[in-house]
Amino acid sequence: MSLQDDLTAVRRSLNELVRSVERLEQDVARQTPAAPRPAARGPMVSVPDTPYDSSLWTDSDDEGLGARDRRAP
């Protein structure tokens, strides 16, 4: 194959790729429903930087790890 033949083949492949991408974009545009509207939000709530009271966690277990005073197997 000559260089000219190679360039022609590359151009043909590139044109085919461009057409395929355009068809794909059109298909996606037809199938995609309108974007949902964001839910109405209430007023913002500030969360303090101070640590939580540790007594809130006295009877809690870490999920999947067991109790705090025991080791996982």
N, C-alpha and C. Protein backbone atom coordinates (compact mmCIF):
# COMPACT_ATOMS: atom_id res chain seq x y z
N MET A 1 0.84 -1.19 0.00
CA MET A 1 0.00 0.00 0.00
C MET A 1 0.88 1.24 0.00
N SER A 2 0.43 2.22 -0.75
CA SER A 2 1.18 3.47 -0.78
C SER A 2 0.72 4.38 0.36
N LEU A 3 1.46 5.41 0.56
CA LEU A 3 1.12 6.37 1.61
C LEU A 3 -0.24 7.01 1.32
N GLN A 4 -0.51 7.29 0.05
CA GLN A 4 -1.79 7.89 -0.32
C GLN A 4 -2.95 6.94 0.00
N ASP A 5 -2.76 5.66 -0.27
CA ASP A 5 -3.81 4.67 0.06
C ASP A 5 -4.05 4.61 1.57
N ASP A 6 -2.95 4.66 2.32
CA ASP A 6 -3.09 4.66 3.78
C ASP A 6 -3.86 5.88 4.28
N LEU A 7 -3.53 7.04 3.74
CA LEU A 7 -4.22 8.26 4.15
C LEU A 7 -5.70 8.21 3.79
N THR A 8 -6.01 7.68 2.62
CA THR A 8 -7.40 7.55 2.20
C THR A 8 -8.16 6.62 3.15
N ALA A 9 -7.53 5.52 3.52
CA ALA A 9 -8.17 4.57 4.44
C ALA A 9 -8.39 5.20 5.81
N VAL A 10 -7.42 5.98 6.26
CA VAL A 10 -7.56 6.66 7.56
C VAL A 10 -8.68 7.67 7.50
N ARG A 11 -8.76 8.46 6.43
CA ARG A 11 -9.84 9.44 6.29
C ARG A 11 -11.20 8.76 6.28
N ARG A 12 -11.31 7.66 5.56
CA ARG A 12 -12.57 6.93 5.48
C ARG A 12 -12.97 6.41 6.86
N SER A 13 -12.00 5.87 7.58
CA SER A 13 -12.29 5.36 8.93
C SER A 13 -12.68 6.49 9.88
N LEU A 14 -11.99 7.60 9.76
CA LEU A 14 -12.29 8.74 10.62
C LEU A 14 -13.69 9.29 10.33
N ASN A 15 -14.04 9.39 9.06
CA ASN A 15 -15.39 9.85 8.69
C ASN A 15 -16.45 8.90 9.22
N GLU A 16 -16.20 7.61 9.13
CA GLU A 16 -17.15 6.62 9.65
C GLU A 16 -17.28 6.76 11.16
N LEU A 17 -16.17 7.00 11.85
CA LEU A 17 -16.21 7.19 13.30
C LEU A 17 -17.02 8.42 13.66
N VAL A 18 -16.82 9.51 12.93
CA VAL A 18 -17.57 10.75 13.20
C VAL A 18 -19.07 10.50 13.01
N ARG A 19 -19.45 9.81 11.95
CA ARG A 19 -20.87 9.51 11.72
C ARG A 19 -21.44 8.63 12.83
N SER A 20 -20.66 7.67 13.27
CA SER A 20 -21.13 6.79 14.35
C SER A 20 -21.33 7.55 15.64
N VAL A 21 -20.42 8.44 15.96
CA VAL A 21 -20.54 9.23 17.19
C VAL A 21 -21.75 10.16 17.09
N GLU A 22 -21.97 10.74 15.93
CA GLU A 22 -23.13 11.62 15.77
C GLU A 22 -24.43 10.83 15.94
N ARG A 23 -24.51 9.62 15.38
CA ARG A 23 -25.70 8.79 15.55
C ARG A 23 -25.90 8.43 17.02
N LEU A 24 -24.80 8.10 17.69
CA LEU A 24 -24.88 7.77 19.11
C LEU A 24 -25.37 8.95 19.92
N GLU A 25 -24.87 10.15 19.63
CA GLU A 25 -25.32 11.34 20.35
C GLU A 25 -26.81 11.57 20.14
N GLN A 26 -27.29 11.36 18.92
CA GLN A 26 -28.71 11.54 18.63
C GLN A 26 -29.55 10.50 19.37
N ASP A 27 -29.08 9.27 19.40
CA ASP A 27 -29.81 8.21 20.11
C ASP A 27 -29.90 8.51 21.60
N VAL A 28 -28.80 8.95 22.16
CA VAL A 28 -28.78 9.26 23.60
C VAL A 28 -29.70 10.44 23.89
N ALA A 29 -29.68 11.44 23.01
CA ALA A 29 -30.54 12.61 23.23
C ALA A 29 -32.01 12.22 23.19
N ARG A 30 -32.39 11.27 22.36
CA ARG A 30 -33.79 10.85 22.28
C ARG A 30 -34.19 10.01 23.47
N GLN A 31 -33.26 9.23 24.01
CA GLN A 31 -33.58 8.32 25.09
C GLN A 31 -33.50 8.95 26.46
N THR A 32 -32.79 10.04 26.59
CA THR A 32 -32.59 10.66 27.89
C THR A 32 -33.79 11.53 28.24
N PRO A 33 -34.48 11.22 29.35
CA PRO A 33 -35.60 12.07 29.76
C PRO A 33 -35.07 13.41 30.25
N ALA A 34 -35.96 14.35 30.35
CA ALA A 34 -35.56 15.66 30.85
C ALA A 34 -34.95 15.50 32.24
N ALA A 35 -33.98 16.30 32.52
CA ALA A 35 -33.30 16.22 33.81
C ALA A 35 -34.29 16.55 34.93
N PRO A 36 -34.30 15.76 35.99
CA PRO A 36 -35.22 16.04 37.09
C PRO A 36 -34.84 17.33 37.79
N ARG A 37 -35.84 18.00 38.27
CA ARG A 37 -35.58 19.24 39.00
C ARG A 37 -35.11 18.91 40.40
N PRO A 38 -34.20 19.68 40.90
CA PRO A 38 -33.74 19.41 42.27
C PRO A 38 -34.88 19.63 43.27
N ALA A 39 -34.87 18.83 44.32
CA ALA A 39 -35.90 18.94 45.35
C ALA A 39 -35.77 20.28 46.06
N ALA A 40 -36.89 20.78 46.48
CA ALA A 40 -36.87 22.03 47.23
C ALA A 40 -36.11 21.82 48.53
N ARG A 41 -35.28 22.73 48.84
CA ARG A 41 -34.47 22.61 50.05
C ARG A 41 -34.94 23.62 51.09
N GLY A 42 -34.83 23.20 52.32
CA GLY A 42 -35.17 24.09 53.42
C GLY A 42 -33.99 24.98 53.74
N PRO A 43 -34.09 25.69 54.82
CA PRO A 43 -32.98 26.57 55.20
C PRO A 43 -31.75 25.74 55.58
N MET A 44 -30.59 26.32 55.39
CA MET A 44 -29.35 25.62 55.73
C MET A 44 -29.21 25.52 57.24
N VAL A 45 -28.67 24.40 57.66
CA VAL A 45 -28.46 24.16 59.08
C VAL A 45 -26.96 24.11 59.32
N SER A 46 -26.50 24.89 60.25
CA SER A 46 -25.06 24.86 60.54
C SER A 46 -24.77 23.73 61.53
N VAL A 47 -23.66 23.06 61.30
CA VAL A 47 -23.22 21.97 62.17
C VAL A 47 -22.01 22.47 62.94
N PRO A 48 -22.07 22.44 64.26
CA PRO A 48 -20.95 22.98 65.04
C PRO A 48 -19.71 22.10 64.91
N ASP A 49 -18.56 22.72 65.11
CA ASP A 49 -17.29 22.01 65.04
C ASP A 49 -16.95 21.31 66.36
N THR A 50 -17.71 21.57 67.39
CA THR A 50 -17.40 20.96 68.68
C THR A 50 -17.70 19.47 68.63
N PRO A 51 -16.93 18.65 69.35
CA PRO A 51 -17.16 17.21 69.34
C PRO A 51 -18.49 16.85 70.00
N TYR A 52 -19.06 15.73 69.57
CA TYR A 52 -20.29 15.24 70.18
C TYR A 52 -19.99 14.72 71.58
N ASP A 53 -21.01 14.70 72.40
CA ASP A 53 -20.90 14.16 73.75
C ASP A 53 -20.64 12.66 73.64
N SER A 54 -19.57 12.16 74.22
CA SER A 54 -19.21 10.74 74.11
C SER A 54 -20.24 9.83 74.76
N SER A 55 -21.08 10.35 75.63
CA SER A 55 -22.10 9.51 76.25
C SER A 55 -23.15 9.06 75.24
N LEU A 56 -23.21 9.71 74.09
CA LEU A 56 -24.13 9.28 73.04
C LEU A 56 -23.76 7.90 72.50
N TRP A 57 -22.50 7.52 72.61
CA TRP A 57 -22.01 6.30 71.98
C TRP A 57 -21.70 5.19 72.99
N THR A 58 -22.07 5.34 74.24
CA THR A 58 -21.68 4.36 75.26
C THR A 58 -22.20 2.95 74.98
N ASP A 59 -23.41 2.79 74.51
CA ASP A 59 -23.98 1.46 74.29
C ASP A 59 -23.95 1.03 72.82
N SER A 60 -23.22 1.73 72.00
CA SER A 60 -23.24 1.41 70.57
C SER A 60 -22.14 0.42 70.21
N ASP A 61 -22.40 -0.36 69.19
CA ASP A 61 -21.39 -1.27 68.63
C ASP A 61 -21.03 -0.75 67.25
N ASP A 62 -19.79 -0.97 66.86
CA ASP A 62 -19.39 -0.61 65.51
C ASP A 62 -19.93 -1.68 64.57
N GLU A 63 -20.65 -1.25 63.55
CA GLU A 63 -21.26 -2.21 62.63
C GLU A 63 -20.19 -3.07 61.98
N GLY A 64 -20.37 -4.36 62.09
CA GLY A 64 -19.46 -5.29 61.45
C GLY A 64 -18.19 -5.56 62.23
N LEU A 65 -17.93 -4.78 63.26
CA LEU A 65 -16.70 -4.96 64.03
C LEU A 65 -16.95 -5.48 65.43
N GLY A 66 -18.18 -5.40 65.89
CA GLY A 66 -18.49 -5.87 67.24
C GLY A 66 -18.36 -4.76 68.25
N ALA A 67 -18.35 -5.14 69.49
CA ALA A 67 -18.29 -4.17 70.58
C ALA A 67 -16.91 -3.55 70.68
N ARG A 68 -16.85 -2.38 71.29
CA ARG A 68 -15.58 -1.66 71.39
C ARG A 68 -14.56 -2.38 72.25
N ASP A 69 -15.00 -3.06 73.30
CA ASP A 69 -14.05 -3.66 74.24
C ASP A 69 -13.63 -5.07 73.82
N ARG A 70 -14.09 -5.54 72.67
CA ARG A 70 -13.70 -6.88 72.21
C ARG A 70 -12.97 -6.77 70.88
N ARG A 71 -12.16 -7.76 70.59
CA ARG A 71 -11.43 -7.77 69.32
C ARG A 71 -12.18 -8.61 68.30
N ALA A 72 -12.07 -8.21 67.08
CA ALA A 72 -12.69 -9.00 66.00
C ALA A 72 -11.90 -10.29 65.82
N PRO A 73 -12.58 -11.38 65.44
CA PRO A 73 -11.87 -12.66 65.29
C PRO A 73 -10.83 -12.62 64.19
